[in-house]
């Protein structure tokens, strides 16, 4: 089973983007996130959609 969320650091590694750009995409609604306490987790399906892959 693939993970359904990843950390900001994991998103950086998967996309090659910087933290500032990732938060910009989150603000634009192009990356979906889930807040768990203080942690921000990015939904992997939104990363795949951003990169043009099938979710």
PDB file of N, CA and C in Angstrom:
ATOM      1  N   UNK A   1       0.842  -1.179   0.000  1.00  0.00           N
ATOM      2  CA  UNK A   1       0.000   0.000   0.000  1.00  0.00           C
ATOM      3  C   UNK A   1       0.885   1.239   0.000  1.00  0.00           C
ATOM      4  N   UNK A   2       0.587   2.158  -0.888  1.00  0.00           N
ATOM      5  CA  UNK A   2       1.325   3.417  -0.960  1.00  0.00           C
ATOM      6  C   UNK A   2       0.862   4.356   0.145  1.00  0.00           C
ATOM      7  N   UNK A   3       1.765   5.189   0.654  1.00  0.00           N
ATOM      8  CA  UNK A   3       1.345   6.156   1.671  1.00  0.00           C
ATOM      9  C   UNK A   3       0.381   7.170   1.063  1.00  0.00           C
ATOM     10  N   UNK A   4      -0.595   7.629   1.845  1.00  0.00           N
ATOM     11  CA  UNK A   4      -1.564   8.594   1.327  1.00  0.00           C
ATOM     12  C   UNK A   4      -1.140  10.037   1.596  1.00  0.00           C
ATOM     13  N   UNK A   5      -0.159  10.219   2.491  1.00  0.00           N
ATOM     14  CA  UNK A   5       0.383  11.553   2.745  1.00  0.00           C
ATOM     15  C   UNK A   5       1.899  11.465   2.869  1.00  0.00           C
ATOM     16  N   UNK A   6       2.527  12.609   2.738  1.00  0.00           N
ATOM     17  CA  UNK A   6       3.965  12.716   2.950  1.00  0.00           C
ATOM     18  C   UNK A   6       4.264  14.067   3.595  1.00  0.00           C
ATOM     19  N   UNK A   7       5.421  14.178   4.177  1.00  0.00           N
ATOM     20  CA  UNK A   7       5.828  15.425   4.825  1.00  0.00           C
ATOM     21  C   UNK A   7       6.231  16.461   3.775  1.00  0.00           C
ATOM     22  N   UNK A   8       6.460  17.669   4.217  1.00  0.00           N
ATOM     23  CA  UNK A   8       6.963  18.713   3.319  1.00  0.00           C
ATOM     24  C   UNK A   8       8.326  18.283   2.775  1.00  0.00           C
ATOM     25  N   UNK A   9       9.154  17.699   3.630  1.00  0.00           N
ATOM     26  CA  UNK A   9      10.474  17.216   3.190  1.00  0.00           C
ATOM     27  C   UNK A   9      10.317  16.125   2.133  1.00  0.00           C
ATOM     28  N   UNK A  10       9.378  15.221   2.337  1.00  0.00           N
ATOM     29  CA  UNK A  10       9.114  14.176   1.353  1.00  0.00           C
ATOM     30  C   UNK A  10       8.609  14.751   0.036  1.00  0.00           C
ATOM     31  N   UNK A  11       7.805  15.790   0.140  1.00  0.00           N
ATOM     32  CA  UNK A  11       7.300  16.470  -1.058  1.00  0.00           C
ATOM     33  C   UNK A  11       8.439  17.128  -1.813  1.00  0.00           C
ATOM     34  N   UNK A  12       9.389  17.721  -1.071  1.00  0.00           N
ATOM     35  CA  UNK A  12      10.578  18.316  -1.693  1.00  0.00           C
ATOM     36  C   UNK A  12      11.335  17.277  -2.499  1.00  0.00           C
ATOM     37  N   UNK A  13      11.551  16.116  -1.901  1.00  0.00           N
ATOM     38  CA  UNK A  13      12.308  15.057  -2.571  1.00  0.00           C
ATOM     39  C   UNK A  13      11.563  14.521  -3.791  1.00  0.00           C
ATOM     40  N   UNK A  14      10.245  14.390  -3.672  1.00  0.00           N
ATOM     41  CA  UNK A  14       9.446  13.827  -4.769  1.00  0.00           C
ATOM     42  C   UNK A  14       9.339  14.774  -5.957  1.00  0.00           C
ATOM     43  N   UNK A  15       9.310  16.080  -5.678  1.00  0.00           N
ATOM     44  CA  UNK A  15       9.075  17.044  -6.757  1.00  0.00           C
ATOM     45  C   UNK A  15      10.319  17.802  -7.198  1.00  0.00           C
ATOM     46  N   UNK A  16      11.295  17.890  -6.316  1.00  0.00           N
ATOM     47  CA  UNK A  16      12.472  18.689  -6.627  1.00  0.00           C
ATOM     48  C   UNK A  16      12.250  20.176  -6.407  1.00  0.00           C
ATOM     49  N   UNK A  17      11.117  20.526  -5.790  1.00  0.00           N
ATOM     50  CA  UNK A  17      10.800  21.928  -5.521  1.00  0.00           C
ATOM     51  C   UNK A  17      11.299  22.328  -4.139  1.00  0.00           C
ATOM     52  N   UNK A  18      11.433  23.626  -3.931  1.00  0.00           N
ATOM     53  CA  UNK A  18      11.837  24.142  -2.637  1.00  0.00           C
ATOM     54  C   UNK A  18      10.641  24.326  -1.720  1.00  0.00           C
ATOM     55  N   UNK A  19      10.920  24.530  -0.453  1.00  0.00           N
ATOM     56  CA  UNK A  19       9.878  24.682   0.558  1.00  0.00           C
ATOM     57  C   UNK A  19       8.972  25.875   0.240  1.00  0.00           C
ATOM     58  N   UNK A  20       9.556  26.992  -0.163  1.00  0.00           N
ATOM     59  CA  UNK A  20       8.766  28.186  -0.456  1.00  0.00           C
ATOM     60  C   UNK A  20       7.773  27.912  -1.574  1.00  0.00           C
ATOM     61  N   UNK A  21       8.206  27.259  -2.638  1.00  0.00           N
ATOM     62  CA  UNK A  21       7.317  26.947  -3.763  1.00  0.00           C
ATOM     63  C   UNK A  21       6.229  25.955  -3.340  1.00  0.00           C
ATOM     64  N   UNK A  22       6.583  24.993  -2.507  1.00  0.00           N
ATOM     65  CA  UNK A  22       5.595  24.015  -2.032  1.00  0.00           C
ATOM     66  C   UNK A  22       4.502  24.730  -1.243  1.00  0.00           C
ATOM     67  N   UNK A  23       4.876  25.625  -0.336  1.00  0.00           N
ATOM     68  CA  UNK A  23       3.872  26.363   0.432  1.00  0.00           C
ATOM     69  C   UNK A  23       3.063  27.299  -0.468  1.00  0.00           C
ATOM     70  N   UNK A  24       3.681  27.820  -1.512  1.00  0.00           N
ATOM     71  CA  UNK A  24       2.960  28.647  -2.479  1.00  0.00           C
ATOM     72  C   UNK A  24       1.883  27.810  -3.187  1.00  0.00           C
ATOM     73  N   UNK A  25       2.240  26.589  -3.601  1.00  0.00           N
ATOM     74  CA  UNK A  25       1.283  25.696  -4.252  1.00  0.00           C
ATOM     75  C   UNK A  25       0.171  25.280  -3.297  1.00  0.00           C
ATOM     76  N   UNK A  26       0.504  25.095  -2.026  1.00  0.00           N
ATOM     77  CA  UNK A  26      -0.513  24.788  -1.016  1.00  0.00           C
ATOM     78  C   UNK A  26      -1.479  25.970  -0.901  1.00  0.00           C
ATOM     79  N   UNK A  27      -0.953  27.174  -0.842  1.00  0.00           N
ATOM     80  CA  UNK A  27      -1.782  28.370  -0.740  1.00  0.00           C
ATOM     81  C   UNK A  27      -2.699  28.564  -1.934  1.00  0.00           C
ATOM     82  N   UNK A  28      -2.219  28.152  -3.119  1.00  0.00           N
ATOM     83  CA  UNK A  28      -3.015  28.252  -4.346  1.00  0.00           C
ATOM     84  C   UNK A  28      -4.049  27.122  -4.443  1.00  0.00           C
ATOM     85  N   UNK A  29      -3.944  26.139  -3.557  1.00  0.00           N
ATOM     86  CA  UNK A  29      -4.872  25.014  -3.599  1.00  0.00           C
ATOM     87  C   UNK A  29      -4.463  23.922  -4.576  1.00  0.00           C
ATOM     88  N   UNK A  30      -3.257  24.001  -5.121  1.00  0.00           N
ATOM     89  CA  UNK A  30      -2.794  22.997  -6.087  1.00  0.00           C
ATOM     90  C   UNK A  30      -2.221  21.766  -5.409  1.00  0.00           C
ATOM     91  N   UNK A  31      -1.869  21.888  -4.135  1.00  0.00           N
ATOM     92  CA  UNK A  31      -1.471  20.743  -3.317  1.00  0.00           C
ATOM     93  C   UNK A  31      -2.408  20.681  -2.126  1.00  0.00           C
ATOM     94  N   UNK A  32      -2.979  19.494  -1.886  1.00  0.00           N
ATOM     95  CA  UNK A  32      -3.896  19.312  -0.757  1.00  0.00           C
ATOM     96  C   UNK A  32      -3.106  18.873   0.473  1.00  0.00           C
ATOM     97  N   UNK A  33      -3.467  19.422   1.612  1.00  0.00           N
ATOM     98  CA  UNK A  33      -2.772  19.083   2.844  1.00  0.00           C
ATOM     99  C   UNK A  33      -3.742  18.651   3.926  1.00  0.00           C
ATOM    100  N   UNK A  34      -3.178  17.959   4.903  1.00  0.00           N
ATOM    101  CA  UNK A  34      -3.883  17.556   6.109  1.00  0.00           C
ATOM    102  C   UNK A  34      -3.023  18.029   7.266  1.00  0.00           C
ATOM    103  N   UNK A  35      -3.625  18.723   8.222  1.00  0.00           N
ATOM    104  CA  UNK A  35      -2.895  19.163   9.408  1.00  0.00           C
ATOM    105  C   UNK A  35      -3.128  18.141  10.517  1.00  0.00           C
ATOM    106  N   UNK A  36      -2.033  17.638  11.085  1.00  0.00           N
ATOM    107  CA  UNK A  36      -2.095  16.721  12.219  1.00  0.00           C
ATOM    108  C   UNK A  36      -1.246  17.364  13.309  1.00  0.00           C
ATOM    109  N   UNK A  37      -1.927  17.969  14.263  1.00  0.00           N
ATOM    110  CA  UNK A  37      -1.195  18.748  15.254  1.00  0.00           C
ATOM    111  C   UNK A  37      -0.501  19.896  14.560  1.00  0.00           C
ATOM    112  N   UNK A  38       0.797  20.001  14.758  1.00  0.00           N
ATOM    113  CA  UNK A  38       1.581  21.060  14.104  1.00  0.00           C
ATOM    114  C   UNK A  38       2.132  20.628  12.754  1.00  0.00           C
ATOM    115  N   UNK A  39       2.003  19.351  12.441  1.00  0.00           N
ATOM    116  CA  UNK A  39       2.561  18.826  11.186  1.00  0.00           C
ATOM    117  C   UNK A  39       1.659  19.114  10.000  1.00  0.00           C
ATOM    118  N   UNK A  40       2.269  19.442   8.880  1.00  0.00           N
ATOM    119  CA  UNK A  40       1.553  19.616   7.632  1.00  0.00           C
ATOM    120  C   UNK A  40       1.929  18.440   6.737  1.00  0.00           C
ATOM    121  N   UNK A  41       0.931  17.641   6.364  1.00  0.00           N
ATOM    122  CA  UNK A  41       1.160  16.486   5.509  1.00  0.00           C
ATOM    123  C   UNK A  41       0.478  16.724   4.169  1.00  0.00           C
ATOM    124  N   UNK A  42       1.198  16.451   3.096  1.00  0.00           N
ATOM    125  CA  UNK A  42       0.695  16.668   1.748  1.00  0.00           C
ATOM    126  C   UNK A  42       0.138  15.354   1.219  1.00  0.00           C
ATOM    127  N   UNK A  43      -1.057  15.407   0.633  1.00  0.00           N
ATOM    128  CA  UNK A  43      -1.668  14.207   0.063  1.00  0.00           C
ATOM    129  C   UNK A  43      -0.906  13.816  -1.196  1.00  0.00           C
ATOM    130  N   UNK A  44      -0.494  12.547  -1.270  1.00  0.00           N
ATOM    131  CA  UNK A  44       0.305  12.094  -2.404  1.00  0.00           C
ATOM    132  C   UNK A  44      -0.474  12.167  -3.712  1.00  0.00           C
ATOM    133  N   UNK A  45      -1.803  12.004  -3.664  1.00  0.00           N
ATOM    134  CA  UNK A  45      -2.576  12.089  -4.903  1.00  0.00           C
ATOM    135  C   UNK A  45      -2.494  13.493  -5.498  1.00  0.00           C
ATOM    136  N   UNK A  46      -2.381  14.520  -4.662  1.00  0.00           N
ATOM    137  CA  UNK A  46      -2.266  15.876  -5.197  1.00  0.00           C
ATOM    138  C   UNK A  46      -0.866  16.120  -5.779  1.00  0.00           C
ATOM    139  N   UNK A  47       0.142  15.451  -5.220  1.00  0.00           N
ATOM    140  CA  UNK A  47       1.493  15.546  -5.801  1.00  0.00           C
ATOM    141  C   UNK A  47       1.494  14.904  -7.187  1.00  0.00           C
ATOM    142  N   UNK A  48       0.886  13.714  -7.287  1.00  0.00           N
ATOM    143  CA  UNK A  48       0.813  13.031  -8.579  1.00  0.00           C
ATOM    144  C   UNK A  48       0.029  13.849  -9.600  1.00  0.00           C
ATOM    145  N   UNK A  49      -1.067  14.467  -9.166  1.00  0.00           N
ATOM    146  CA  UNK A  49      -1.860  15.303 -10.069  1.00  0.00           C
ATOM    147  C   UNK A  49      -1.046  16.517 -10.537  1.00  0.00           C
ATOM    148  N   UNK A  50      -0.285  17.112  -9.630  1.00  0.00           N
ATOM    149  CA  UNK A  50       0.557  18.250  -9.971  1.00  0.00           C
ATOM    150  C   UNK A  50       1.603  17.859 -11.020  1.00  0.00           C
ATOM    151  N   UNK A  51       2.137  16.664 -10.871  1.00  0.00           N
ATOM    152  CA  UNK A  51       3.177  16.193 -11.789  1.00  0.00           C
ATOM    153  C   UNK A  51       2.595  15.575 -13.064  1.00  0.00           C
ATOM    154  N   UNK A  52       1.262  15.537 -13.160  1.00  0.00           N
ATOM    155  CA  UNK A  52       0.629  15.052 -14.370  1.00  0.00           C
ATOM    156  C   UNK A  52       0.489  13.561 -14.462  1.00  0.00           C
ATOM    157  N   UNK A  53       0.589  12.864 -13.329  1.00  0.00           N
ATOM    158  CA  UNK A  53       0.432  11.422 -13.313  1.00  0.00           C
ATOM    159  C   UNK A  53      -0.989  11.083 -12.873  1.00  0.00           C
ATOM    160  N   UNK A  54      -1.408   9.866 -13.142  1.00  0.00           N
ATOM    161  CA  UNK A  54      -2.716   9.406 -12.663  1.00  0.00           C
ATOM    162  C   UNK A  54      -2.637   9.176 -11.168  1.00  0.00           C
ATOM    163  N   UNK A  55      -3.624   9.652 -10.447  1.00  0.00           N
ATOM    164  CA  UNK A  55      -3.622   9.515  -8.982  1.00  0.00           C
ATOM    165  C   UNK A  55      -3.961   8.120  -8.553  1.00  0.00           C
TER     166      UNK A  55
END
